[in-house]
Amino acid sequence: MLVVRPITPQDYQALYTCAEESGHGFTSLPVDEDLLQRRIARAQEAFALEQVSKPGEEGYLFVMEDTETGEIVGCSGIEATVGLSDAFYHYRLGKEVHHSRQLGVYNALETLTLCNDYTGVSELCTLFLREPFRKNMNGRVLSRFRMLFMAEFKERFSQYAIAEMRGVSNDDGESPFWRWLQQHFFSMDFIDADYLTGIGEKTFIAELMPRQPIYVKLLDAEAQAVVGQVHKSTRPALGMLESEGFRFRGYVDIFDAGPTVEVEVNNIKSVRESKRLPVTIGEVAEGPLYIVCNTRVADFRALQARVKVTAETVTIDADSAAALRVQPGDQVRIVSLTGENS
């Protein structure tokens, strides 16, 4: 059985393996021992907070564990807010109109402007599922359980949430968009710039990034073609988020120009459709698949299971109850895994 739970210090080596396997362009999971150790410690502090009245700089990091083998098969995270201590940069796509009535010339030109517009919002981040386990809707569970966590503990998160999608790069980690920036403004390759951002070293962005809007038409053809486009391996994740209500509003990553999508938390489909019900334990030989989680923070658990749902209760089998650490009468939160109405 695959169960999602808060990360612990004992999961460090597994997290490091995920970082190695995630490849280039995965900014929130760099291959850096000190940073990964700090992320685990920071997550431990966040989960230990019993009372939170408003979102701060907490970072919640979870792992998905195979309970039969103890193997960690993936990870997933939520930042309560971004940009409060370290600047959080994006390029905002806009338009500038050049118009001469006398000459009969009208040009509406796309621009990229460096901004910090997402400061203070929550972020879904660090989603990575190891290759052998990308089946049986495990990826959907590893992403969507976070929406149940946010629904259950709304006071810990902002009114709005974003997710940064990995942009286009080749197998060697080369980004066409960054190649253009490097040629004109920087003297480092994409991998180094992305790594520095991942470990929190962002001073160079303010020092070297162009301060004036960039006309998209001035980019070379390859760079223009990838603005707002996702890496091929990220398309399923983007599709899932779009089905939850996330939308692209013209903000792209400053290194690979991948899109950032946003949503109001209350409008996330899984948040709206989730239910909080007392649990009963019994045989569930057949039934629809749901994502089910308990309602505790430090001892949070989530998994997929077949359930029986009524207006008053949800019935799960004994193995699922044990994995969730719930007893009859305890509250759980559920949402359909397949999108079917209960």
Foldseek 3Di string as FASTA:
>chain_A
DKKKAFDALVCLVVLLVQQVVVAAQQLQRHNDSVLSNVLSVLQLVVLPDPDFQAADQGKTKMFIADVVVRHTFWIWIKGQWPCPVAQDKWWFWDWDWDDDPVVGDIDIFIWTAIDRVRGGAMEIGRTTGHDVPPDPCPSVLNRCVVLVLCLLCVRHHDQKYKYAAGFDDDNVNAALQQVQCCVPFNVDGLRVVSHCVSSPNCPVCVVTPDRDIDTLVPRPPRNSVGQQHHYPVRVVVVVSQVVQPWDFDRIAHPRRNHTMTMDRSCSGNQSVQKDKAFEDEDDPPDAAKKWKWANGRNGIMIDIAGWDDDPHYIYGYPVVCVRRVHDGGGIMMIDGSVPDHD
